[in-house]
Protein backbone atom coordinates (compact mmCIF):
# COMPACT_ATOMS: atom_id res chain seq x y z
CA MET A 1 75.94 84.20 122.79
CA GLY A 2 79.26 82.37 123.70
CA LEU A 3 81.29 80.93 120.88
CA GLU A 4 80.96 77.27 122.23
CA LYS A 5 77.18 77.77 122.29
CA ALA A 6 77.11 79.42 119.07
CA ILE A 7 78.77 76.21 117.43
CA ILE A 8 76.51 74.00 119.11
CA HIS A 9 73.56 75.72 117.80
CA GLY A 10 75.02 75.82 114.27
CA LYS A 11 75.38 80.00 114.42
CA GLU A 12 79.43 80.33 113.86
CA TYR A 13 79.49 81.69 110.58
CA ARG A 14 83.42 82.52 110.71
CA LYS A 15 85.52 80.97 107.94
CA PRO A 16 88.54 78.89 108.94
CA TYR A 17 91.83 80.77 108.63
CA THR A 18 93.41 79.98 105.26
CA GLY A 19 95.59 82.95 104.37
CA ALA A 20 99.58 83.82 104.12
CA LYS A 21 100.50 80.16 103.60
CA ALA A 22 103.16 81.58 100.50
CA VAL A 23 105.11 83.16 103.48
CA SER A 24 104.61 80.87 106.60
CA ARG A 25 101.83 78.45 107.20
CA SER A 26 102.04 79.79 110.97
CA CYS A 27 101.74 83.26 110.18
CA ARG A 28 98.81 85.17 111.49
CA ASN A 29 98.07 89.23 112.51
CA HIS A 30 101.22 90.45 114.07
CA GLY A 31 102.81 86.82 113.61
CA GLY A 32 106.53 86.39 114.45
CA CYS A 33 107.58 85.10 111.30
CA GLN A 34 110.21 86.96 109.67
CA TRP A 35 108.53 88.66 106.76
CA CYS A 36 105.86 89.93 109.03
CA GLU A 37 107.96 91.13 111.99
CA GLU A 38 110.15 93.35 109.29
CA ASN A 39 107.02 94.72 107.87
CA ARG A 40 105.89 95.69 111.34
CA LYS A 41 108.84 97.31 112.80
CA TYR A 42 109.95 98.89 109.46
CA ARG A 43 109.05 102.47 110.84
CA TYR A 44 111.38 101.55 114.43
CA ARG A 45 113.91 100.23 112.34
CA LYS A 46 114.43 103.40 110.84
CA GLU A 47 114.08 105.47 113.23
CA ASN A 48 116.81 103.75 115.46
CA GLU A 49 119.07 104.05 112.36
CA LYS A 50 118.66 107.91 112.27
CA THR A 51 119.30 107.83 116.01
CA ALA A 52 122.65 105.86 116.06
CA GLN A 53 123.64 108.14 112.97
CA MET A 54 122.74 111.28 115.12
CA LEU A 55 124.82 110.14 118.06
CA ALA A 56 127.47 109.00 115.91
CA GLU A 57 127.64 112.60 114.34
CA TYR A 58 127.56 114.28 117.60
CA ALA A 59 130.52 112.15 119.28
CA LYS A 60 132.53 113.50 115.98
CA GLY A 61 131.78 117.19 117.05
CA GLY A 62 129.92 117.69 113.88
CA ASP A 63 126.69 118.79 115.63
CA ASP A 64 126.40 123.24 115.25
CA HIS A 65 123.48 123.13 117.48
């Protein structure tokens, strides 16, 4: 049953979205607000910092490998 048909026949039981208003009223899953974006990209940001540090170390000639 499609969503429109379910609504017409009273079979739609999903609650309206009412969460995360403390951070941003427009925030949803995978949202673009600053809070969600920082949380979602934490691992990649740390990985980029580590890579940048390794490249700087390599450029100084401190790599013994």
